[in-house]
Amino acid sequence: MQIKNFFLDLREWPQYAKKQNNIWLLESEAFKEPLQFTFEFDSKDREELEQVKEDCKKWFTLIQEREKERNKILEWLQEKEKMITKSYQRYEELNDKYEELLDKVKQREKKVNQKISEDNKEIENIHNEIKEIRKEISLPEPQKIYTNTRDEFVVWLDVYYGYPYLLPHWEYIVIEQYEYEPQNEYVANENKIQIKNMYLSWKYIPEIQLEWLNAIDKPVSKVRLTVLFFQI
């Protein structure tokens, strides 16, 4: 690069000089640009400018490509941000739903535990009541064999009911031995043994009936009844 022209009009302004320094004013105010330079480029400068131009184009192209890549990355980040935002919103919804369901489960568990506690208490009360009832209805200790002998005086033909035997609730084999001692000639009974299997819930009442020869005579007899009760 070369300077072809240089022009400058100046004049000294001594009244403003300070400390032996000169101060110069423009000679003519008609010059808008009192200091002028005229430059001219040589061939080497043009080559450098062309090279700078080419470099600028390359850099501009590179910047455009980088900008495109940046825009793609920015779009990808925006999509990811949308997905993350959507996922986070879904997470918030699910978390709220989870908290709601968890609260319901806790409430139901509390009710279930309360119900179980009430039922267990009721079951315990029932068991205690059953124990008390069993105490009240419990059978006495079995004696296995009960036996008794009684003499009964029997008159006429109707069924005679002997003295009742009070026994524990149980199933028994009952063996009855009848021995007759007739008091007149009209008694037709003979000594006998009678065996029965029966369940007694409270008492046993033996039955004695005299046999006769006719419907007019009146049989009279003393009867010895021996009864054995075997628990089975």
C-alpha atoms as a PDB file:
ATOM      1  CA  MET A   1       0.000   0.000   0.000  1.00  0.00           C
ATOM      2  CA  GLN A   2       1.314   3.447  -0.910  1.00  0.00           C
ATOM      3  CA  ILE A   3       0.412   7.030   0.082  1.00  0.00           C
ATOM      4  CA  LYS A   4       0.075   9.095  -3.061  1.00  0.00           C
ATOM      5  CA  ASN A   5      -1.061  12.474  -1.676  1.00  0.00           C
ATOM      6  CA  PHE A   6      -0.786  14.199   1.670  1.00  0.00           C
ATOM      7  CA  PHE A   7      -2.110  17.748   2.248  1.00  0.00           C
ATOM      8  CA  LEU A   8      -2.352  19.778   5.431  1.00  0.00           C
ATOM      9  CA  ASP A   9      -2.796  23.638   5.982  1.00  0.00           C
ATOM     10  CA  LEU A  10      -1.679  24.767   9.422  1.00  0.00           C
ATOM     11  CA  ARG A  11      -0.671  28.002  11.091  1.00  0.00           C
ATOM     12  CA  GLU A  12       0.889  28.711  14.478  1.00  0.00           C
ATOM     13  CA  TRP A  13      -1.232  30.017  17.328  1.00  0.00           C
ATOM     14  CA  PRO A  14       1.284  31.481  19.733  1.00  0.00           C
ATOM     15  CA  GLN A  15      -1.098  32.973  22.235  1.00  0.00           C
ATOM     16  CA  TYR A  16      -2.137  29.461  23.271  1.00  0.00           C
ATOM     17  CA  ALA A  17       1.335  28.061  23.425  1.00  0.00           C
ATOM     18  CA  LYS A  18       2.323  26.699  26.761  1.00  0.00           C
ATOM     19  CA  LYS A  19       5.690  25.724  28.029  1.00  0.00           C
ATOM     20  CA  GLN A  20       7.368  26.353  24.685  1.00  0.00           C
ATOM     21  CA  ASN A  21       5.014  23.940  22.901  1.00  0.00           C
ATOM     22  CA  ASN A  22       3.572  24.978  19.586  1.00  0.00           C
ATOM     23  CA  ILE A  23      -0.123  24.872  18.892  1.00  0.00           C
ATOM     24  CA  TRP A  24      -1.239  24.830  15.297  1.00  0.00           C
ATOM     25  CA  LEU A  25      -4.563  25.874  13.785  1.00  0.00           C
ATOM     26  CA  LEU A  26      -6.050  25.006  10.417  1.00  0.00           C
ATOM     27  CA  GLU A  27      -5.083  27.753   7.947  1.00  0.00           C
ATOM     28  CA  SER A  28      -8.419  27.770   6.202  1.00  0.00           C
ATOM     29  CA  GLU A  29     -11.814  26.794   7.642  1.00  0.00           C
ATOM     30  CA  ALA A  30     -12.946  26.017   4.117  1.00  0.00           C
ATOM     31  CA  PHE A  31     -11.359  22.572   4.351  1.00  0.00           C
ATOM     32  CA  LYS A  32     -13.741  20.142   5.968  1.00  0.00           C
ATOM     33  CA  GLU A  33     -10.942  17.655   6.108  1.00  0.00           C
ATOM     34  CA  PRO A  34      -7.730  19.635   6.426  1.00  0.00           C
ATOM     35  CA  LEU A  35      -5.723  16.420   6.748  1.00  0.00           C
ATOM     36  CA  GLN A  36      -6.055  14.300   3.635  1.00  0.00           C
ATOM     37  CA  PHE A  37      -4.384  11.095   2.603  1.00  0.00           C
ATOM     38  CA  THR A  38      -4.661   9.329  -0.710  1.00  0.00           C
ATOM     39  CA  PHE A  39      -3.940   5.610  -0.588  1.00  0.00           C
ATOM     40  CA  GLU A  40      -3.326   3.310  -3.477  1.00  0.00           C
ATOM     41  CA  PHE A  41      -3.099  -0.502  -3.266  1.00  0.00           C
ATOM     42  CA  ASP A  42      -0.404  -2.355  -5.044  1.00  0.00           C
ATOM     43  CA  SER A  43      -0.658  -5.889  -6.514  1.00  0.00           C
ATOM     44  CA  LYS A  44       0.597  -7.585  -3.379  1.00  0.00           C
ATOM     45  CA  ASP A  45      -2.095  -5.852  -1.304  1.00  0.00           C
ATOM     46  CA  ARG A  46      -4.735  -7.030  -3.744  1.00  0.00           C
ATOM     47  CA  GLU A  47      -3.525 -10.598  -3.469  1.00  0.00           C
ATOM     48  CA  GLU A  48      -3.655 -10.367   0.315  1.00  0.00           C
ATOM     49  CA  LEU A  49      -7.121  -8.850   0.149  1.00  0.00           C
ATOM     50  CA  GLU A  50      -8.276 -11.644  -2.151  1.00  0.00           C
ATOM     51  CA  GLN A  51      -6.828 -14.191   0.238  1.00  0.00           C
ATOM     52  CA  VAL A  52      -8.571 -12.467   3.154  1.00  0.00           C
ATOM     53  CA  LYS A  53     -11.780 -12.476   1.096  1.00  0.00           C
ATOM     54  CA  GLU A  54     -11.460 -16.211   0.423  1.00  0.00           C
ATOM     55  CA  ASP A  55     -10.641 -16.866   4.073  1.00  0.00           C
ATOM     56  CA  CYS A  56     -13.688 -14.847   5.099  1.00  0.00           C
ATOM     57  CA  LYS A  57     -15.862 -16.881   2.741  1.00  0.00           C
ATOM     58  CA  LYS A  58     -14.506 -20.112   4.176  1.00  0.00           C
ATOM     59  CA  TRP A  59     -15.019 -18.898   7.704  1.00  0.00           C
ATOM     60  CA  PHE A  60     -18.495 -17.684   6.814  1.00  0.00           C
ATOM     61  CA  THR A  61     -19.339 -21.077   5.308  1.00  0.00           C
ATOM     62  CA  LEU A  62     -17.890 -22.821   8.359  1.00  0.00           C
ATOM     63  CA  ILE A  63     -19.860 -20.533  10.644  1.00  0.00           C
ATOM     64  CA  GLN A  64     -23.060 -21.311   8.700  1.00  0.00           C
ATOM     65  CA  GLU A  65     -22.423 -25.055   8.991  1.00  0.00           C
ATOM     66  CA  ARG A  66     -21.678 -24.708  12.678  1.00  0.00           C
ATOM     67  CA  GLU A  67     -24.837 -22.668  13.058  1.00  0.00           C
ATOM     68  CA  LYS A  68     -26.842 -25.403  11.321  1.00  0.00           C
ATOM     69  CA  GLU A  69     -25.324 -27.993  13.651  1.00  0.00           C
ATOM     70  CA  ARG A  70     -26.036 -25.746  16.602  1.00  0.00           C
ATOM     71  CA  ASN A  71     -29.641 -25.340  15.425  1.00  0.00           C
ATOM     72  CA  LYS A  72     -29.988 -29.129  15.115  1.00  0.00           C
ATOM     73  CA  ILE A  73     -28.584 -29.591  18.592  1.00  0.00           C
ATOM     74  CA  LEU A  74     -30.865 -26.834  19.851  1.00  0.00           C
ATOM     75  CA  GLU A  75     -33.895 -28.513  18.252  1.00  0.00           C
ATOM     76  CA  TRP A  76     -32.837 -31.863  19.776  1.00  0.00           C
ATOM     77  CA  LEU A  77     -32.466 -30.207  23.177  1.00  0.00           C
ATOM     78  CA  GLN A  78     -35.869 -28.558  22.795  1.00  0.00           C
ATOM     79  CA  GLU A  79     -37.444 -31.936  21.968  1.00  0.00           C
ATOM     80  CA  LYS A  80     -35.698 -33.482  24.933  1.00  0.00           C
ATOM     81  CA  GLU A  81     -36.894 -30.647  27.105  1.00  0.00           C
ATOM     82  CA  LYS A  82     -40.473 -31.247  25.916  1.00  0.00           C
ATOM     83  CA  MET A  83     -40.129 -34.970  26.621  1.00  0.00           C
ATOM     84  CA  ILE A  84     -38.624 -34.296  30.048  1.00  0.00           C
ATOM     85  CA  THR A  85     -41.366 -31.787  30.813  1.00  0.00           C
ATOM     86  CA  LYS A  86     -44.036 -34.258  29.693  1.00  0.00           C
ATOM     87  CA  SER A  87     -42.408 -37.072  31.662  1.00  0.00           C
ATOM     88  CA  TYR A  88     -42.153 -34.873  34.728  1.00  0.00           C
ATOM     89  CA  GLN A  89     -45.821 -33.923  34.433  1.00  0.00           C
ATOM     90  CA  ARG A  90     -46.700 -37.606  34.113  1.00  0.00           C
ATOM     91  CA  TYR A  91     -44.498 -38.346  37.096  1.00  0.00           C
ATOM     92  CA  GLU A  92     -46.322 -35.697  39.111  1.00  0.00           C
ATOM     93  CA  GLU A  93     -49.679 -37.173  38.099  1.00  0.00           C
ATOM     94  CA  LEU A  94     -48.577 -40.712  38.968  1.00  0.00           C
ATOM     95  CA  ASN A  95     -47.031 -39.565  42.227  1.00  0.00           C
ATOM     96  CA  ASP A  96     -50.250 -37.793  43.213  1.00  0.00           C
ATOM     97  CA  LYS A  97     -52.231 -40.906  42.263  1.00  0.00           C
ATOM     98  CA  TYR A  98     -49.813 -43.078  44.221  1.00  0.00           C
ATOM     99  CA  GLU A  99     -50.153 -40.887  47.296  1.00  0.00           C
ATOM    100  CA  GLU A 100     -53.929 -41.001  46.952  1.00  0.00           C
ATOM    101  CA  LEU A 101     -53.996 -44.801  46.614  1.00  0.00           C
ATOM    102  CA  LEU A 102     -51.498 -45.205  49.432  1.00  0.00           C
ATOM    103  CA  ASP A 103     -53.709 -43.130  51.688  1.00  0.00           C
ATOM    104  CA  LYS A 104     -56.728 -45.259  50.736  1.00  0.00           C
ATOM    105  CA  VAL A 105     -54.752 -48.447  51.427  1.00  0.00           C
ATOM    106  CA  LYS A 106     -53.705 -47.114  54.827  1.00  0.00           C
ATOM    107  CA  GLN A 107     -57.297 -46.203  55.641  1.00  0.00           C
ATOM    108  CA  ARG A 108     -58.535 -49.642  54.558  1.00  0.00           C
ATOM    109  CA  GLU A 109     -55.715 -51.357  56.450  1.00  0.00           C
ATOM    110  CA  LYS A 110     -56.685 -49.390  59.516  1.00  0.00           C
ATOM    111  CA  LYS A 111     -60.323 -50.443  59.136  1.00  0.00           C
ATOM    112  CA  VAL A 112     -59.320 -54.073  58.486  1.00  0.00           C
ATOM    113  CA  ASN A 113     -57.069 -54.135  61.570  1.00  0.00           C
ATOM    114  CA  GLN A 114     -59.834 -52.582  63.616  1.00  0.00           C
ATOM    115  CA  LYS A 115     -62.315 -55.159  62.280  1.00  0.00           C
ATOM    116  CA  ILE A 116     -59.872 -58.013  62.986  1.00  0.00           C
ATOM    117  CA  SER A 117     -59.372 -56.711  66.501  1.00  0.00           C
ATOM    118  CA  GLU A 118     -63.124 -56.503  67.057  1.00  0.00           C
ATOM    119  CA  ASP A 119     -63.654 -59.997  65.600  1.00  0.00           C
ATOM    120  CA  ASN A 120     -60.850 -61.446  67.739  1.00  0.00           C
ATOM    121  CA  LYS A 121     -62.387 -59.877  70.799  1.00  0.00           C
ATOM    122  CA  GLU A 122     -65.791 -61.272  69.873  1.00  0.00           C
ATOM    123  CA  ILE A 123     -64.258 -64.716  69.221  1.00  0.00           C
ATOM    124  CA  GLU A 124     -62.557 -64.579  72.607  1.00  0.00           C
ATOM    125  CA  ASN A 125     -65.862 -63.662  74.261  1.00  0.00           C
ATOM    126  CA  ILE A 126     -67.580 -66.563  72.466  1.00  0.00           C
ATOM    127  CA  HIS A 127     -64.832 -68.965  73.579  1.00  0.00           C
ATOM    128  CA  ASN A 128     -65.188 -67.783  77.159  1.00  0.00           C
ATOM    129  CA  GLU A 129     -68.954 -68.167  76.948  1.00  0.00           C
ATOM    130  CA  ILE A 130     -68.560 -71.678  75.500  1.00  0.00           C
ATOM    131  CA  LYS A 131     -66.225 -72.564  78.369  1.00  0.00           C
ATOM    132  CA  GLU A 132     -68.790 -71.379  80.869  1.00  0.00           C
ATOM    133  CA  ILE A 133     -71.554 -73.339  79.121  1.00  0.00           C
ATOM    134  CA  ARG A 134     -69.391 -76.450  79.062  1.00  0.00           C
ATOM    135  CA  LYS A 135     -68.834 -76.083  82.770  1.00  0.00           C
ATOM    136  CA  GLU A 136     -72.558 -75.890  83.299  1.00  0.00           C
ATOM    137  CA  ILE A 137     -73.399 -78.897  81.125  1.00  0.00           C
ATOM    138  CA  SER A 138     -70.323 -80.981  81.843  1.00  0.00           C
ATOM    139  CA  LEU A 139     -71.092 -84.623  82.632  1.00  0.00           C
ATOM    140  CA  PRO A 140     -70.100 -86.062  85.979  1.00  0.00           C
ATOM    141  CA  GLU A 141     -67.252 -88.472  86.104  1.00  0.00           C
ATOM    142  CA  PRO A 142     -68.528 -91.817  84.802  1.00  0.00           C
ATOM    143  CA  GLN A 143     -68.902 -94.549  87.405  1.00  0.00           C
ATOM    144  CA  LYS A 144     -69.109 -97.267  84.784  1.00  0.00           C
ATOM    145  CA  ILE A 145     -71.460 -99.520  86.761  1.00  0.00           C
ATOM    146  CA  TYR A 146     -74.509 -98.618  88.791  1.00  0.00           C
ATOM    147  CA  THR A 147     -76.462-101.289  90.619  1.00  0.00           C
ATOM    148  CA  ASN A 148     -79.413-101.347  92.986  1.00  0.00           C
ATOM    149  CA  THR A 149     -81.890-103.876  94.446  1.00  0.00           C
ATOM    150  CA  ARG A 150     -85.369-102.973  95.674  1.00  0.00           C
ATOM    151  CA  ASP A 151     -88.422-104.892  96.817  1.00  0.00           C
ATOM    152  CA  GLU A 152     -91.737-103.683  95.447  1.00  0.00           C
ATOM    153  CA  PHE A 153     -95.242-104.818  96.469  1.00  0.00           C
ATOM    154  CA  VAL A 154     -97.401-104.991  93.390  1.00  0.00           C
ATOM    155  CA  VAL A 155    -101.181-105.395  93.274  1.00  0.00           C
ATOM    156  CA  TRP A 156    -103.558-105.765  90.373  1.00  0.00           C
ATOM    157  CA  LEU A 157    -102.925-105.852  86.646  1.00  0.00           C
ATOM    158  CA  ASP A 158    -101.926-102.274  85.713  1.00  0.00           C
ATOM    159  CA  VAL A 159     -98.315-101.331  84.940  1.00  0.00           C
ATOM    160  CA  TYR A 160     -96.460-100.512  88.121  1.00  0.00           C
ATOM    161  CA  TYR A 161     -93.766 -97.837  87.898  1.00  0.00           C
ATOM    162  CA  GLY A 162     -90.968 -98.394  90.344  1.00  0.00           C
ATOM    163  CA  TYR A 163     -88.780 -95.872  92.137  1.00  0.00           C
ATOM    164  CA  PRO A 164     -86.772 -93.829  89.555  1.00  0.00           C
ATOM    165  CA  TYR A 165     -82.989 -94.173  89.233  1.00  0.00           C
ATOM    166  CA  LEU A 166     -81.174 -90.822  88.791  1.00  0.00           C
ATOM    167  CA  LEU A 167     -78.145 -91.332  86.566  1.00  0.00           C
ATOM    168  CA  PRO A 168     -75.615 -89.209  84.592  1.00  0.00           C
ATOM    169  CA  HIS A 169     -76.362 -88.536  80.942  1.00  0.00           C
ATOM    170  CA  TRP A 170     -74.878 -91.504  79.145  1.00  0.00           C
ATOM    171  CA  GLU A 171     -75.491 -94.553  77.024  1.00  0.00           C
ATOM    172  CA  TYR A 172     -76.079 -97.705  79.066  1.00  0.00           C
ATOM    173  CA  ILE A 173     -76.652-101.391  78.869  1.00  0.00           C
ATOM    174  CA  VAL A 174     -79.452-102.037  81.412  1.00  0.00           C
ATOM    175  CA  ILE A 175     -79.769-105.508  82.970  1.00  0.00           C
ATOM    176  CA  GLU A 176     -82.920-106.118  85.061  1.00  0.00           C
ATOM    177  CA  GLN A 177     -83.492-109.203  87.173  1.00  0.00           C
ATOM    178  CA  TYR A 178     -87.099-109.822  88.281  1.00  0.00           C
ATOM    179  CA  GLU A 179     -87.772-112.229  91.190  1.00  0.00           C
ATOM    180  CA  TYR A 180     -91.436-112.827  92.076  1.00  0.00           C
ATOM    181  CA  GLU A 181     -92.770-113.996  95.455  1.00  0.00           C
ATOM    182  CA  PRO A 182     -96.515-114.488  94.778  1.00  0.00           C
ATOM    183  CA  GLN A 183     -98.880-113.613  97.622  1.00  0.00           C
ATOM    184  CA  ASN A 184    -101.806-115.496  96.072  1.00  0.00           C
ATOM    185  CA  GLU A 185    -102.375-118.166  93.476  1.00  0.00           C
ATOM    186  CA  TYR A 186    -103.370-115.803  90.711  1.00  0.00           C
ATOM    187  CA  VAL A 187     -99.816-114.644  89.877  1.00  0.00           C
ATOM    188  CA  ALA A 188     -98.536-116.191  86.622  1.00  0.00           C
ATOM    189  CA  ASN A 189     -95.138-114.375  86.394  1.00  0.00           C
ATOM    190  CA  GLU A 190     -91.895-116.299  86.424  1.00  0.00           C
ATOM    191  CA  ASN A 191     -88.466-115.013  87.405  1.00  0.00           C
ATOM    192  CA  LYS A 192     -86.644-113.479  84.441  1.00  0.00           C
ATOM    193  CA  ILE A 193     -83.670-111.362  83.319  1.00  0.00           C
ATOM    194  CA  GLN A 194     -84.190-108.560  80.820  1.00  0.00           C
ATOM    195  CA  ILE A 195     -81.366-106.744  78.916  1.00  0.00           C
ATOM    196  CA  LYS A 196     -81.765-103.356  77.110  1.00  0.00           C
ATOM    197  CA  ASN A 197     -79.448-100.875  75.390  1.00  0.00           C
ATOM    198  CA  MET A 198     -80.580 -97.270  75.824  1.00  0.00           C
ATOM    199  CA  TYR A 199     -79.451 -93.674  76.284  1.00  0.00           C
ATOM    200  CA  LEU A 200     -80.528 -92.068  79.549  1.00  0.00           C
ATOM    201  CA  SER A 201     -80.725 -88.305  79.631  1.00  0.00           C
ATOM    202  CA  TRP A 202     -81.847 -87.947  83.230  1.00  0.00           C
ATOM    203  CA  LYS A 203     -83.509 -90.877  85.012  1.00  0.00           C
ATOM    204  CA  TYR A 204     -84.668 -94.409  84.532  1.00  0.00           C
ATOM    205  CA  ILE A 205     -88.049 -95.657  85.813  1.00  0.00           C
ATOM    206  CA  PRO A 206     -88.494 -99.454  85.879  1.00  0.00           C
ATOM    207  CA  GLU A 207     -91.861-100.951  84.916  1.00  0.00           C
ATOM    208  CA  ILE A 208     -93.425-104.035  86.566  1.00  0.00           C
ATOM    209  CA  GLN A 209     -96.588-105.743  85.415  1.00  0.00           C
ATOM    210  CA  LEU A 210     -98.110-108.853  86.860  1.00  0.00           C
ATOM    211  CA  GLU A 211     -99.456-111.577  84.606  1.00  0.00           C
ATOM    212  CA  TRP A 212    -102.767-113.176  85.461  1.00  0.00           C
ATOM    213  CA  LEU A 213    -104.878-116.240  84.694  1.00  0.00           C
ATOM    214  CA  ASN A 214    -108.140-114.400  83.993  1.00  0.00           C
ATOM    215  CA  ALA A 215    -109.576-110.892  84.097  1.00  0.00           C
ATOM    216  CA  ILE A 216    -111.528-111.469  87.313  1.00  0.00           C
ATOM    217  CA  ASP A 217    -108.834-112.567  89.749  1.00  0.00           C
ATOM    218  CA  LYS A 218    -106.595-110.030  91.447  1.00  0.00           C
ATOM    219  CA  PRO A 219    -102.892-111.064  91.486  1.00  0.00           C
ATOM    220  CA  VAL A 220    -100.699-109.882  94.378  1.00  0.00           C
ATOM    221  CA  SER A 221     -96.923-110.351  94.572  1.00  0.00           C
ATOM    222  CA  LYS A 222     -93.760-109.041  96.143  1.00  0.00           C
ATOM    223  CA  VAL A 223     -91.193-108.336  93.428  1.00  0.00           C
ATOM    224  CA  ARG A 224     -87.457-108.043  94.010  1.00  0.00           C
ATOM    225  CA  LEU A 225     -85.916-105.995  91.212  1.00  0.00           C
ATOM    226  CA  THR A 226     -82.142-105.864  90.777  1.00  0.00           C
ATOM    227  CA  VAL A 227     -80.923-103.393  88.135  1.00  0.00           C
ATOM    228  CA  LEU A 228     -77.395-102.997  86.756  1.00  0.00           C
ATOM    229  CA  PHE A 229     -76.370-100.033  84.545  1.00  0.00           C
ATOM    230  CA  PHE A 230     -73.215-100.399  82.436  1.00  0.00           C
ATOM    231  CA  GLN A 231     -71.896 -97.231  80.797  1.00  0.00           C
ATOM    232  CA  ILE A 232     -70.665 -97.765  77.249  1.00  0.00           C
END
